[in-house]
Amino acid sequence: KFAEKYELRFDLLADPETDIADAFDVDASRGAAPRTTFVLADGE
């Protein structure tokens, strides 16, 4: 709904179980992740 409403062209990844947040050590224990951005390349 969000992507359609704003015509977003990149992937939005669903993380309701916080698996991705946990993998990146982003604290989503309160039900939402804080704004945090990672730049990744070369596997790091």
Full PDB file with SEQRES, HELIX, SHEET, SSBOND, CRYST1, ORIGX, SCALE, CONECT and MASTER records, all heavy atoms in Angstrom:
SEQRES   1 A   44  LYS PHE ALA GLU LYS TYR GLU LEU ARG PHE ASP LEU LEU          
SEQRES   2 A   44  ALA ASP PRO GLU THR ASP ILE ALA ASP ALA PHE ASP VAL          
SEQRES   3 A   44  ASP ALA SER ARG GLY ALA ALA PRO ARG THR THR PHE VAL          
SEQRES   4 A   44  LEU ALA ASP GLY GLU                                          
HELIX    1 AA1 PHE A    2  TYR A    6  1                                   5    
HELIX    2 AA2 ASP A   19  ALA A   23  1                                   5    
CRYST1    1.000    1.000    1.000  90.00  90.00  90.00 P 1           1          
ORIGX1      1.000000  0.000000  0.000000        0.00000                         
ORIGX2      0.000000  1.000000  0.000000        0.00000                         
ORIGX3      0.000000  0.000000  1.000000        0.00000                         
SCALE1      1.000000  0.000000  0.000000        0.00000                         
SCALE2      0.000000  1.000000  0.000000        0.00000                         
SCALE3      0.000000  0.000000  1.000000        0.00000                         
ATOM      1  N   LYS A   1       0.836  -1.211   0.000  1.00  0.00           N  
ATOM      2  CA  LYS A   1       0.000   0.000   0.000  1.00  0.00           C  
ATOM      3  C   LYS A   1       0.868   1.257   0.000  1.00  0.00           C  
ATOM      4  O   LYS A   1       0.589   2.217  -0.722  1.00  0.00           O  
ATOM      5  CB  LYS A   1      -0.925  -0.007   1.215  1.00  0.00           C  
ATOM      6  CG  LYS A   1      -1.998  -1.062   1.149  1.00  0.00           C  
ATOM      7  CD  LYS A   1      -2.811  -1.117   2.428  1.00  0.00           C  
ATOM      8  CE  LYS A   1      -3.799  -2.262   2.373  1.00  0.00           C  
ATOM      9  NZ  LYS A   1      -4.441  -2.491   3.677  1.00  0.00           N  
ATOM     10  N   PHE A   2       1.923   1.250   0.814  1.00  0.00           N  
ATOM     11  CA  PHE A   2       2.834   2.392   0.920  1.00  0.00           C  
ATOM     12  C   PHE A   2       3.533   2.644  -0.417  1.00  0.00           C  
ATOM     13  O   PHE A   2       3.566   3.775  -0.919  1.00  0.00           O  
ATOM     14  CB  PHE A   2       3.840   2.100   2.038  1.00  0.00           C  
ATOM     15  CG  PHE A   2       4.822   3.199   2.347  1.00  0.00           C  
ATOM     16  CD1 PHE A   2       4.430   4.517   2.473  1.00  0.00           C  
ATOM     17  CD2 PHE A   2       6.166   2.895   2.563  1.00  0.00           C  
ATOM     18  CE1 PHE A   2       5.348   5.528   2.797  1.00  0.00           C  
ATOM     19  CE2 PHE A   2       7.086   3.880   2.887  1.00  0.00           C  
ATOM     20  CZ  PHE A   2       6.672   5.198   2.998  1.00  0.00           C  
ATOM     21  N   ALA A   3       4.076   1.579  -1.013  1.00  0.00           N  
ATOM     22  CA  ALA A   3       4.800   1.703  -2.282  1.00  0.00           C  
ATOM     23  C   ALA A   3       3.873   2.173  -3.402  1.00  0.00           C  
ATOM     24  O   ALA A   3       4.257   3.015  -4.227  1.00  0.00           O  
ATOM     25  CB  ALA A   3       5.454   0.376  -2.653  1.00  0.00           C  
ATOM     26  N   GLU A   4       2.654   1.650  -3.435  1.00  0.00           N  
ATOM     27  CA  GLU A   4       1.710   2.064  -4.480  1.00  0.00           C  
ATOM     28  C   GLU A   4       1.288   3.511  -4.296  1.00  0.00           C  
ATOM     29  O   GLU A   4       1.223   4.275  -5.257  1.00  0.00           O  
ATOM     30  CB  GLU A   4       0.487   1.146  -4.477  1.00  0.00           C  
ATOM     31  CG  GLU A   4       0.765  -0.207  -5.083  1.00  0.00           C  
ATOM     32  CD  GLU A   4      -0.444  -1.127  -5.085  1.00  0.00           C  
ATOM     33  OE1 GLU A   4      -1.555  -0.705  -4.669  1.00  0.00           O  
ATOM     34  OE2 GLU A   4      -0.269  -2.293  -5.486  1.00  0.00           O  
ATOM     35  N   LYS A   5       1.004   3.905  -3.062  1.00  0.00           N  
ATOM     36  CA  LYS A   5       0.536   5.264  -2.783  1.00  0.00           C  
ATOM     37  C   LYS A   5       1.553   6.316  -3.228  1.00  0.00           C  
ATOM     38  O   LYS A   5       1.193   7.353  -3.776  1.00  0.00           O  
ATOM     39  CB  LYS A   5       0.248   5.410  -1.292  1.00  0.00           C  
ATOM     40  CG  LYS A   5      -0.297   6.766  -0.898  1.00  0.00           C  
ATOM     41  CD  LYS A   5      -0.680   6.795   0.582  1.00  0.00           C  
ATOM     42  CE  LYS A   5      -1.244   8.143   0.988  1.00  0.00           C  
ATOM     43  NZ  LYS A   5      -1.651   8.142   2.414  1.00  0.00           N  
ATOM     44  N   TYR A   6       2.845   6.019  -3.000  1.00  0.00           N  
ATOM     45  CA  TYR A   6       3.899   6.996  -3.315  1.00  0.00           C  
ATOM     46  C   TYR A   6       4.724   6.613  -4.544  1.00  0.00           C  
ATOM     47  O   TYR A   6       5.740   7.241  -4.822  1.00  0.00           O  
ATOM     48  CB  TYR A   6       4.790   7.215  -2.089  1.00  0.00           C  
ATOM     49  CG  TYR A   6       4.003   7.815  -0.956  1.00  0.00           C  
ATOM     50  CD1 TYR A   6       3.550   7.016   0.085  1.00  0.00           C  
ATOM     51  CD2 TYR A   6       3.663   9.168  -0.951  1.00  0.00           C  
ATOM     52  CE1 TYR A   6       2.791   7.559   1.122  1.00  0.00           C  
ATOM     53  CE2 TYR A   6       2.906   9.711   0.069  1.00  0.00           C  
ATOM     54  CZ  TYR A   6       2.474   8.900   1.105  1.00  0.00           C  
ATOM     55  OH  TYR A   6       1.714   9.435   2.112  1.00  0.00           O  
ATOM     56  N   GLU A   7       4.289   5.561  -5.258  1.00  0.00           N  
ATOM     57  CA  GLU A   7       4.944   5.104  -6.487  1.00  0.00           C  
ATOM     58  C   GLU A   7       6.435   4.842  -6.268  1.00  0.00           C  
ATOM     59  O   GLU A   7       7.282   5.254  -7.069  1.00  0.00           O  
ATOM     60  CB  GLU A   7       4.710   6.107  -7.617  1.00  0.00           C  
ATOM     61  CG  GLU A   7       3.244   6.274  -7.955  1.00  0.00           C  
ATOM     62  CD  GLU A   7       2.969   7.287  -9.062  1.00  0.00           C  
ATOM     63  OE1 GLU A   7       3.936   7.926  -9.548  1.00  0.00           O  
ATOM     64  OE2 GLU A   7       1.799   7.430  -9.437  1.00  0.00           O  
ATOM     65  N   LEU A   8       6.738   4.149  -5.181  1.00  0.00           N  
ATOM     66  CA  LEU A   8       8.135   3.818  -4.856  1.00  0.00           C  
ATOM     67  C   LEU A   8       8.619   2.701  -5.768  1.00  0.00           C  
ATOM     68  O   LEU A   8       7.922   1.706  -5.977  1.00  0.00           O  
ATOM     69  CB  LEU A   8       8.250   3.410  -3.389  1.00  0.00           C  
ATOM     70  CG  LEU A   8       7.748   4.444  -2.381  1.00  0.00           C  
ATOM     71  CD1 LEU A   8       7.827   3.882  -0.962  1.00  0.00           C  
ATOM     72  CD2 LEU A   8       8.521   5.752  -2.503  1.00  0.00           C  
ATOM     73  N   ARG A   9       9.827   2.856  -6.287  1.00  0.00           N  
ATOM     74  CA  ARG A   9      10.354   1.916  -7.284  1.00  0.00           C  
ATOM     75  C   ARG A   9      11.422   0.984  -6.743  1.00  0.00           C  
ATOM     76  O   ARG A   9      12.003   0.209  -7.495  1.00  0.00           O  
ATOM     77  CB  ARG A   9      10.912   2.696  -8.478  1.00  0.00           C  
ATOM     78  CG  ARG A   9       9.859   3.540  -9.191  1.00  0.00           C  
ATOM     79  CD  ARG A   9      10.482   4.497 -10.165  1.00  0.00           C  
ATOM     80  NE  ARG A   9      11.233   5.508  -9.418  1.00  0.00           N  
ATOM     81  CZ  ARG A   9      12.240   6.213  -9.913  1.00  0.00           C  
ATOM     82  NH1 ARG A   9      12.639   6.026 -11.149  1.00  0.00           N  
ATOM     83  NH2 ARG A   9      12.849   7.113  -9.181  1.00  0.00           N  
ATOM     84  N   PHE A  10      11.731   1.055  -5.459  1.00  0.00           N  
ATOM     85  CA  PHE A  10      12.733   0.160  -4.884  1.00  0.00           C  
ATOM     86  C   PHE A  10      12.042  -0.793  -3.910  1.00  0.00           C  
ATOM     87  O   PHE A  10      10.896  -0.564  -3.510  1.00  0.00           O  
ATOM     88  CB  PHE A  10      13.858   0.941  -4.194  1.00  0.00           C  
ATOM     89  CG  PHE A  10      13.400   1.877  -3.113  1.00  0.00           C  
ATOM     90  CD1 PHE A  10      13.338   1.456  -1.792  1.00  0.00           C  
ATOM     91  CD2 PHE A  10      13.030   3.179  -3.416  1.00  0.00           C  
ATOM     92  CE1 PHE A  10      12.903   2.305  -0.793  1.00  0.00           C  
ATOM     93  CE2 PHE A  10      12.606   4.047  -2.421  1.00  0.00           C  
ATOM     94  CZ  PHE A  10      12.534   3.605  -1.104  1.00  0.00           C  
ATOM     95  N   ASP A  11      12.732  -1.861  -3.550  1.00  0.00           N  
ATOM     96  CA  ASP A  11      12.142  -2.877  -2.684  1.00  0.00           C  
ATOM     97  C   ASP A  11      12.053  -2.409  -1.244  1.00  0.00           C  
ATOM     98  O   ASP A  11      13.021  -1.883  -0.674  1.00  0.00           O  
ATOM     99  CB  ASP A  11      12.976  -4.172  -2.723  1.00  0.00           C  
ATOM    100  CG  ASP A  11      12.764  -4.963  -4.000  1.00  0.00           C  
ATOM    101  OD1 ASP A  11      11.621  -4.992  -4.495  1.00  0.00           O  
ATOM    102  OD2 ASP A  11      13.734  -5.560  -4.491  1.00  0.00           O  
ATOM    103  N   LEU A  12      10.869  -2.633  -0.665  1.00  0.00           N  
ATOM    104  CA  LEU A  12      10.654  -2.458   0.758  1.00  0.00           C  
ATOM    105  C   LEU A  12      10.574  -3.868   1.342  1.00  0.00           C  
ATOM    106  O   LEU A  12       9.751  -4.672   0.904  1.00  0.00           O  
ATOM    107  CB  LEU A  12       9.354  -1.707   1.026  1.00  0.00           C  
ATOM    108  CG  LEU A  12       9.250  -0.309   0.436  1.00  0.00           C  
ATOM    109  CD1 LEU A  12       7.869   0.277   0.706  1.00  0.00           C  
ATOM    110  CD2 LEU A  12      10.346   0.595   0.999  1.00  0.00           C  
ATOM    111  N   LEU A  13      11.436  -4.163   2.291  1.00  0.00           N  
ATOM    112  CA  LEU A  13      11.507  -5.499   2.861  1.00  0.00           C  
ATOM    113  C   LEU A  13      10.719  -5.554   4.162  1.00  0.00           C  
ATOM    114  O   LEU A  13      10.914  -4.740   5.067  1.00  0.00           O  
ATOM    115  CB  LEU A  13      12.963  -5.893   3.105  1.00  0.00           C  
ATOM    116  CG  LEU A  13      13.872  -5.819   1.868  1.00  0.00           C  
ATOM    117  CD1 LEU A  13      15.289  -6.242   2.230  1.00  0.00           C  
ATOM    118  CD2 LEU A  13      13.329  -6.678   0.735  1.00  0.00           C  
ATOM    119  N   ALA A  14       9.832  -6.538   4.248  1.00  0.00           N  
ATOM    120  CA  ALA A  14       8.999  -6.723   5.431  1.00  0.00           C  
ATOM    121  C   ALA A  14       9.795  -7.473   6.497  1.00  0.00           C  
ATOM    122  O   ALA A  14      10.371  -8.525   6.223  1.00  0.00           O  
ATOM    123  CB  ALA A  14       7.742  -7.501   5.062  1.00  0.00           C  
ATOM    124  N   ASP A  15       9.796  -6.917   7.704  1.00  0.00           N  
ATOM    125  CA  ASP A  15      10.563  -7.524   8.803  1.00  0.00           C  
ATOM    126  C   ASP A  15       9.727  -7.588  10.090  1.00  0.00           C  
ATOM    127  O   ASP A  15      10.166  -7.148  11.153  1.00  0.00           O  
ATOM    128  CB  ASP A  15      11.845  -6.711   9.024  1.00  0.00           C  
ATOM    129  CG  ASP A  15      12.867  -7.424   9.892  1.00  0.00           C  
ATOM    130  OD1 ASP A  15      12.849  -8.672   9.949  1.00  0.00           O  
ATOM    131  OD2 ASP A  15      13.680  -6.731  10.528  1.00  0.00           O  
ATOM    132  N   PRO A  16       8.501  -8.152  10.008  1.00  0.00           N  
ATOM    133  CA  PRO A  16       7.636  -8.164  11.188  1.00  0.00           C  
ATOM    134  C   PRO A  16       8.181  -8.989  12.352  1.00  0.00           C  
ATOM    135  O   PRO A  16       7.862  -8.719  13.506  1.00  0.00           O  
ATOM    136  CB  PRO A  16       6.307  -8.726  10.667  1.00  0.00           C  
ATOM    137  CG  PRO A  16       6.667  -9.488   9.441  1.00  0.00           C  
ATOM    138  CD  PRO A  16       7.858  -8.777   8.853  1.00  0.00           C  
ATOM    139  N   GLU A  17       9.022  -9.964  12.046  1.00  0.00           N  
ATOM    140  CA  GLU A  17       9.625 -10.791  13.107  1.00  0.00           C  
ATOM    141  C   GLU A  17      10.978 -10.242  13.553  1.00  0.00           C  
ATOM    142  O   GLU A  17      11.669 -10.870  14.360  1.00  0.00           O  
ATOM    143  CB  GLU A  17       9.789 -12.240  12.623  1.00  0.00           C  
ATOM    144  CG  GLU A  17       8.495 -12.887  12.150  1.00  0.00           C  
ATOM    145  CD  GLU A  17       7.474 -13.009  13.255  1.00  0.00           C  
ATOM    146  OE1 GLU A  17       7.857 -13.283  14.407  1.00  0.00           O  
ATOM    147  OE2 GLU A  17       6.271 -12.801  12.964  1.00  0.00           O  
ATOM    148  N   THR A  18      11.381  -9.130  13.014  1.00  0.00           N  
ATOM    149  CA  THR A  18      12.648  -8.420  13.291  1.00  0.00           C  
ATOM    150  C   THR A  18      13.896  -9.244  12.986  1.00  0.00           C  
ATOM    151  O   THR A  18      14.954  -8.989  13.549  1.00  0.00           O  
ATOM    152  CB  THR A  18      12.709  -7.857  14.740  1.00  0.00           C  
ATOM    153  OG1 THR A  18      12.878  -8.904  15.681  1.00  0.00           O  
ATOM    154  CG2 THR A  18      11.487  -7.013  15.074  1.00  0.00           C  
ATOM    155  N   ASP A  19      13.795 -10.182  12.066  1.00  0.00           N  
ATOM    156  CA  ASP A  19      14.969 -10.994  11.706  1.00  0.00           C  
ATOM    157  C   ASP A  19      16.079 -10.147  11.092  1.00  0.00           C  
ATOM    158  O   ASP A  19      17.258 -10.336  11.394  1.00  0.00           O  
ATOM    159  CB  ASP A  19      14.581 -12.112  10.731  1.00  0.00           C  
ATOM    160  CG  ASP A  19      13.649 -13.140  11.360  1.00  0.00           C  
ATOM    161  OD1 ASP A  19      13.682 -13.299  12.599  1.00  0.00           O  
ATOM    162  OD2 ASP A  19      12.883 -13.777  10.606  1.00  0.00           O  
ATOM    163  N   ILE A  20      15.711  -9.219  10.200  1.00  0.00           N  
ATOM    164  CA  ILE A  20      16.729  -8.384   9.566  1.00  0.00           C  
ATOM    165  C   ILE A  20      17.292  -7.400  10.581  1.00  0.00           C  
ATOM    166  O   ILE A  20      18.505  -7.213  10.679  1.00  0.00           O  
ATOM    167  CB  ILE A  20      16.162  -7.641   8.334  1.00  0.00           C  
ATOM    168  CG1 ILE A  20      15.624  -8.632   7.305  1.00  0.00           C  
ATOM    169  CG2 ILE A  20      17.236  -6.760   7.699  1.00  0.00           C  
ATOM    170  CD1 ILE A  20      14.879  -7.978   6.158  1.00  0.00           C  
ATOM    171  N   ALA A  21      16.406  -6.773  11.346  1.00  0.00           N  
ATOM    172  CA  ALA A  21      16.862  -5.848  12.394  1.00  0.00           C  
ATOM    173  C   ALA A  21      17.823  -6.556  13.344  1.00  0.00           C  
ATOM    174  O   ALA A  21      18.885  -6.017  13.679  1.00  0.00           O  
ATOM    175  CB  ALA A  21      15.672  -5.266  13.150  1.00  0.00           C  
ATOM    176  N   ASP A  22      17.476  -7.764  13.758  1.00  0.00           N  
ATOM    177  CA  ASP A  22      18.348  -8.524  14.666  1.00  0.00           C  
ATOM    178  C   ASP A  22      19.696  -8.823  14.015  1.00  0.00           C  
ATOM    179  O   ASP A  22      20.737  -8.714  14.652  1.00  0.00           O  
ATOM    180  CB  ASP A  22      17.678  -9.838  15.092  1.00  0.00           C  
ATOM    181  CG  ASP A  22      16.452  -9.625  15.979  1.00  0.00           C  
ATOM    182  OD1 ASP A  22      16.265  -8.501  16.497  1.00  0.00           O  
ATOM    183  OD2 ASP A  22      15.668 -10.589  16.121  1.00  0.00           O  
ATOM    184  N   ALA A  23      19.670  -9.173  12.734  1.00  0.00           N  
ATOM    185  CA  ALA A  23      20.919  -9.499  12.025  1.00  0.00           C  
ATOM    186  C   ALA A  23      21.859  -8.301  11.966  1.00  0.00           C  
ATOM    187  O   ALA A  23      23.081  -8.453  11.971  1.00  0.00           O  
ATOM    188  CB  ALA A  23      20.615 -10.001  10.613  1.00  0.00           C  
ATOM    189  N   PHE A  24      21.274  -7.096  11.921  1.00  0.00           N  
ATOM    190  CA  PHE A  24      22.082  -5.872  11.870  1.00  0.00           C  
ATOM    191  C   PHE A  24      22.230  -5.201  13.237  1.00  0.00           C  
ATOM    192  O   PHE A  24      22.735  -4.097  13.347  1.00  0.00           O  
ATOM    193  CB  PHE A  24      21.471  -4.881  10.859  1.00  0.00           C  
ATOM    194  CG  PHE A  24      21.817  -5.202   9.442  1.00  0.00           C  
ATOM    195  CD1 PHE A  24      21.048  -6.091   8.705  1.00  0.00           C  
ATOM    196  CD2 PHE A  24      22.934  -4.645   8.832  1.00  0.00           C  
ATOM    197  CE1 PHE A  24      21.370  -6.405   7.395  1.00  0.00           C  
ATOM    198  CE2 PHE A  24      23.266  -4.951   7.523  1.00  0.00           C  
ATOM    199  CZ  PHE A  24      22.480  -5.835   6.798  1.00  0.00           C  
ATOM    200  N   ASP A  25      21.781  -5.904  14.275  1.00  0.00           N  
ATOM    201  CA  ASP A  25      21.825  -5.372  15.647  1.00  0.00           C  
ATOM    202  C   ASP A  25      21.124  -4.025  15.769  1.00  0.00           C  
ATOM    203  O   ASP A  25      21.576  -3.132  16.492  1.00  0.00           O  
ATOM    204  CB  ASP A  25      23.272  -5.259  16.167  1.00  0.00           C  
ATOM    205  CG  ASP A  25      23.901  -6.618  16.416  1.00  0.00           C  
ATOM    206  OD1 ASP A  25      23.151  -7.583  16.669  1.00  0.00           O  
ATOM    207  OD2 ASP A  25      25.132  -6.716  16.351  1.00  0.00           O  
ATOM    208  N   VAL A  26      20.005  -3.882  15.070  1.00  0.00           N  
ATOM    209  CA  VAL A  26      19.161  -2.688  15.185  1.00  0.00           C  
ATOM    210  C   VAL A  26      18.042  -3.043  16.167  1.00  0.00           C  
ATOM    211  O   VAL A  26      17.333  -4.031  15.971  1.00  0.00           O  
ATOM    212  CB  VAL A  26      18.587  -2.277  13.808  1.00  0.00           C  
ATOM    213  CG1 VAL A  26      17.566  -1.167  13.950  1.00  0.00           C  
ATOM    214  CG2 VAL A  26      19.715  -1.856  12.882  1.00  0.00           C  
ATOM    215  N   ASP A  27      17.882  -2.269  17.208  1.00  0.00           N  
ATOM    216  CA  ASP A  27      16.927  -2.573  18.272  1.00  0.00           C  
ATOM    217  C   ASP A  27      15.500  -2.261  17.837  1.00  0.00           C  
ATOM    218  O   ASP A  27      15.079  -1.114  17.816  1.00  0.00           O  
ATOM    219  CB  ASP A  27      17.279  -1.776  19.531  1.00  0.00           C  
ATOM    220  CG  ASP A  27      16.343  -2.079  20.691  1.00  0.00           C  
ATOM    221  OD1 ASP A  27      15.542  -3.042  20.585  1.00  0.00           O  
ATOM    222  OD2 ASP A  27      16.405  -1.354  21.701  1.00  0.00           O  
ATOM    223  N   ALA A  28      14.753  -3.302  17.498  1.00  0.00           N  
ATOM    224  CA  ALA A  28      13.350  -3.143  17.126  1.00  0.00           C  
ATOM    225  C   ALA A  28      12.453  -3.747  18.207  1.00  0.00           C  
ATOM    226  O   ALA A  28      11.312  -4.120  17.944  1.00  0.00           O  
ATOM    227  CB  ALA A  28      13.093  -3.804  15.776  1.00  0.00           C  
ATOM    228  N   SER A  29      12.964  -3.828  19.431  1.00  0.00           N  
ATOM    229  CA  SER A  29      12.236  -4.478  20.522  1.00  0.00           C  
ATOM    230  C   SER A  29      10.949  -3.751  20.896  1.00  0.00           C  
ATOM    231  O   SER A  29      10.055  -4.342  21.488  1.00  0.00           O  
ATOM    232  CB  SER A  29      13.137  -4.623  21.753  1.00  0.00           C  
ATOM    233  OG  SER A  29      13.535  -3.348  22.225  1.00  0.00           O  
ATOM    234  N   ARG A  30      10.833  -2.497  20.521  1.00  0.00           N  
ATOM    235  CA  ARG A  30       9.608  -1.739  20.817  1.00  0.00           C  
ATOM    236  C   ARG A  30       8.620  -1.799  19.657  1.00  0.00           C  
ATOM    237  O   ARG A  30       7.676  -1.014  19.603  1.00  0.00           O  
ATOM    238  CB  ARG A  30       9.952  -0.298  21.148  1.00  0.00           C  
ATOM    239  CG  ARG A  30      10.756  -0.199  22.423  1.00  0.00           C  
ATOM    240  CD  ARG A  30      11.001   1.215  22.810  1.00  0.00           C  
ATOM    241  NE  ARG A  30      11.740   1.242  24.073  1.00  0.00           N  
ATOM    242  CZ  ARG A  30      12.385   2.276  24.521  1.00  0.00           C  
ATOM    243  NH1 ARG A  30      12.408   3.394  23.820  1.00  0.00           N  
ATOM    244  NH2 ARG A  30      13.008   2.220  25.669  1.00  0.00           N  
ATOM    245  N   GLY A  31       8.860  -2.698  18.714  1.00  0.00           N  
ATOM    246  CA  GLY A  31       7.928  -2.887  17.606  1.00  0.00           C  
ATOM    247  C   GLY A  31       8.273  -2.137  16.339  1.00  0.00           C  
ATOM    248  O   GLY A  31       7.637  -2.330  15.318  1.00  0.00           O  
ATOM    249  N   ALA A  32       9.257  -1.251  16.410  1.00  0.00           N  
ATOM    250  CA  ALA A  32       9.679  -0.504  15.226  1.00  0.00           C  
ATOM    251  C   ALA A  32      11.183  -0.267  15.309  1.00  0.00           C  
ATOM    252  O   ALA A  32      11.739  -0.105  16.397  1.00  0.00           O  
ATOM    253  CB  ALA A  32       8.949   0.829  15.141  1.00  0.00           C  
ATOM    254  N   ALA A  33      11.817  -0.258  14.161  1.00  0.00           N  
ATOM    255  CA  ALA A  33      13.265  -0.011  14.112  1.00  0.00           C  
ATOM    256  C   ALA A  33      13.520   1.488  14.067  1.00  0.00           C  
ATOM    257  O   ALA A  33      12.798   2.223  13.392  1.00  0.00           O  
ATOM    258  CB  ALA A  33      13.866  -0.674  12.874  1.00  0.00           C  
ATOM    259  N   PRO A  34      14.556   1.951  14.751  1.00  0.00           N  
ATOM    260  CA  PRO A  34      14.919   3.364  14.626  1.00  0.00           C  
ATOM    261  C   PRO A  34      15.553   3.609  13.256  1.00  0.00           C  
ATOM    262  O   PRO A  34      16.062   2.688  12.620  1.00  0.00           O  
ATOM    263  CB  PRO A  34      15.938   3.564  15.749  1.00  0.00           C  
ATOM    264  CG  PRO A  34      16.542   2.207  15.951  1.00  0.00           C  
ATOM    265  CD  PRO A  34      15.443   1.225  15.657  1.00  0.00           C  
ATOM    266  N   ARG A  35      15.514   4.857  12.807  1.00  0.00           N  
ATOM    267  CA  ARG A  35      16.122   5.194  11.522  1.00  0.00           C  
ATOM    268  C   ARG A  35      17.618   4.920  11.565  1.00  0.00           C  
ATOM    269  O   ARG A  35      18.357   5.607  12.261  1.00  0.00           O  
ATOM    270  CB  ARG A  35      15.906   6.669  11.223  1.00  0.00           C  
ATOM    271  CG  ARG A  35      14.584   6.974  10.687  1.00  0.00           C  
ATOM    272  CD  ARG A  35      14.475   8.443  10.319  1.00  0.00           C  
ATOM    273  NE  ARG A  35      13.158   8.896  10.677  1.00  0.00           N  
ATOM    274  CZ  ARG A  35      12.061   8.508  10.071  1.00  0.00           C  
ATOM    275  NH1 ARG A  35      12.131   7.671   9.062  1.00  0.00           N  
ATOM    276  NH2 ARG A  35      10.896   8.954  10.467  1.00  0.00           N  
ATOM    277  N   THR A  36      18.024   3.928  10.812  1.00  0.00           N  
ATOM    278  CA  THR A  36      19.425   3.534  10.741  1.00  0.00           C  
ATOM    279  C   THR A  36      19.702   3.100   9.309  1.00  0.00           C  
ATOM    280  O   THR A  36      18.918   2.352   8.731  1.00  0.00           O  
ATOM    281  CB  THR A  36      19.719   2.347  11.686  1.00  0.00           C  
ATOM    282  OG1 THR A  36      19.217   2.646  12.993  1.00  0.00           O  
ATOM    283  CG2 THR A  36      21.199   2.042  11.754  1.00  0.00           C  
ATOM    284  N   THR A  37      20.788   3.578   8.742  1.00  0.00           N  
ATOM    285  CA  THR A  37      21.139   3.242   7.357  1.00  0.00           C  
ATOM    286  C   THR A  37      22.509   2.599   7.311  1.00  0.00           C  
ATOM    287  O   THR A  37      23.441   3.058   7.972  1.00  0.00           O  
ATOM    288  CB  THR A  37      21.128   4.513   6.479  1.00  0.00           C  
ATOM    289  OG1 THR A  37      19.817   5.076   6.505  1.00  0.00           O  
ATOM    290  CG2 THR A  37      21.524   4.200   5.047  1.00  0.00           C  
ATOM    291  N   PHE A  38      22.597   1.541   6.525  1.00  0.00           N  
ATOM    292  CA  PHE A  38      23.859   0.833   6.317  1.00  0.00           C  
ATOM    293  C   PHE A  38      24.263   0.944   4.855  1.00  0.00           C  
ATOM    294  O   PHE A  38      23.436   0.760   3.965  1.00  0.00           O  
ATOM    295  CB  PHE A  38      23.717  -0.652   6.671  1.00  0.00           C  
ATOM    296  CG  PHE A  38      23.474  -0.901   8.124  1.00  0.00           C  
ATOM    297  CD1 PHE A  38      22.188  -0.888   8.650  1.00  0.00           C  
ATOM    298  CD2 PHE A  38      24.534  -1.140   8.987  1.00  0.00           C  
ATOM    299  CE1 PHE A  38      21.960  -1.112   9.994  1.00  0.00           C  
ATOM    300  CE2 PHE A  38      24.322  -1.363  10.340  1.00  0.00           C  
ATOM    301  CZ  PHE A  38      23.023  -1.335  10.841  1.00  0.00           C  
ATOM    302  N   VAL A  39      25.538   1.228   4.630  1.00  0.00           N  
ATOM    303  CA  VAL A  39      26.130   1.137   3.306  1.00  0.00           C  
ATOM    304  C   VAL A  39      26.962  -0.137   3.331  1.00  0.00           C  
ATOM    305  O   VAL A  39      27.813  -0.315   4.213  1.00  0.00           O  
ATOM    306  CB  VAL A  39      27.017   2.363   2.988  1.00  0.00           C  
ATOM    307  CG1 VAL A  39      27.742   2.163   1.663  1.00  0.00           C  
ATOM    308  CG2 VAL A  39      26.180   3.633   2.971  1.00  0.00           C  
ATOM    309  N   LEU A  40      26.677  -1.019   2.382  1.00  0.00           N  
ATOM    310  CA  LEU A  40      27.322  -2.333   2.347  1.00  0.00           C  
ATOM    311  C   LEU A  40      27.952  -2.567   0.980  1.00  0.00           C  
ATOM    312  O   LEU A  40      27.437  -2.113  -0.039  1.00  0.00           O  
ATOM    313  CB  LEU A  40      26.283  -3.422   2.619  1.00  0.00           C  
ATOM    314  CG  LEU A  40      25.521  -3.221   3.934  1.00  0.00           C  
ATOM    315  CD1 LEU A  40      24.045  -3.338   3.710  1.00  0.00           C  
ATOM    316  CD2 LEU A  40      26.009  -4.186   4.969  1.00  0.00           C  
ATOM    317  N   ALA A  41      29.042  -3.292   0.969  1.00  0.00           N  
ATOM    318  CA  ALA A  41      29.704  -3.713  -0.269  1.00  0.00           C  
ATOM    319  C   ALA A  41      30.796  -4.693   0.111  1.00  0.00           C  
ATOM    320  O   ALA A  41      31.266  -4.698   1.257  1.00  0.00           O  
ATOM    321  CB  ALA A  41      30.295  -2.526  -1.021  1.00  0.00           C  
ATOM    322  N   ASP A  42      31.194  -5.509  -0.838  1.00  0.00           N  
ATOM    323  CA  ASP A  42      32.272  -6.479  -0.604  1.00  0.00           C  
ATOM    324  C   ASP A  42      31.993  -7.350   0.612  1.00  0.00           C  
ATOM    325  O   ASP A  42      32.916  -7.795   1.304  1.00  0.00           O  
ATOM    326  CB  ASP A  42      33.629  -5.773  -0.443  1.00  0.00           C  
ATOM    327  CG  ASP A  42      33.953  -4.872  -1.621  1.00  0.00           C  
ATOM    328  OD1 ASP A  42      33.672  -5.292  -2.771  1.00  0.00           O  
ATOM    329  OD2 ASP A  42      34.461  -3.760  -1.406  1.00  0.00           O  
ATOM    330  N   GLY A  43      30.692  -7.569   0.914  1.00  0.00           N  
ATOM    331  CA  GLY A  43      30.326  -8.440   2.021  1.00  0.00           C  
ATOM    332  C   GLY A  43      30.556  -7.844   3.396  1.00  0.00           C  
ATOM    333  O   GLY A  43      30.569  -8.567   4.388  1.00  0.00           O  
ATOM    334  N   GLU A  44      30.722  -6.519   3.462  1.00  0.00           N  
ATOM    335  CA  GLU A  44      30.926  -5.905   4.776  1.00  0.00           C  
ATOM    336  C   GLU A  44      30.226  -4.556   4.890  1.00  0.00           C  
ATOM    337  O   GLU A  44      29.810  -3.965   3.902  1.00  0.00           O  
ATOM    338  CB  GLU A  44      32.407  -5.761   5.100  1.00  0.00           C  
ATOM    339  CG  GLU A  44      33.140  -4.734   4.307  1.00  0.00           C  
ATOM    340  CD  GLU A  44      34.608  -4.617   4.718  1.00  0.00           C  
ATOM    341  OE1 GLU A  44      35.272  -5.659   4.900  1.00  0.00           O  
ATOM    342  OE2 GLU A  44      35.082  -3.476   4.853  1.00  0.00           O  
TER     343      GLU A  44                                                      
MASTER        0    0    0    2    0    0    0    6  342    1    0    4          
END                                                                             
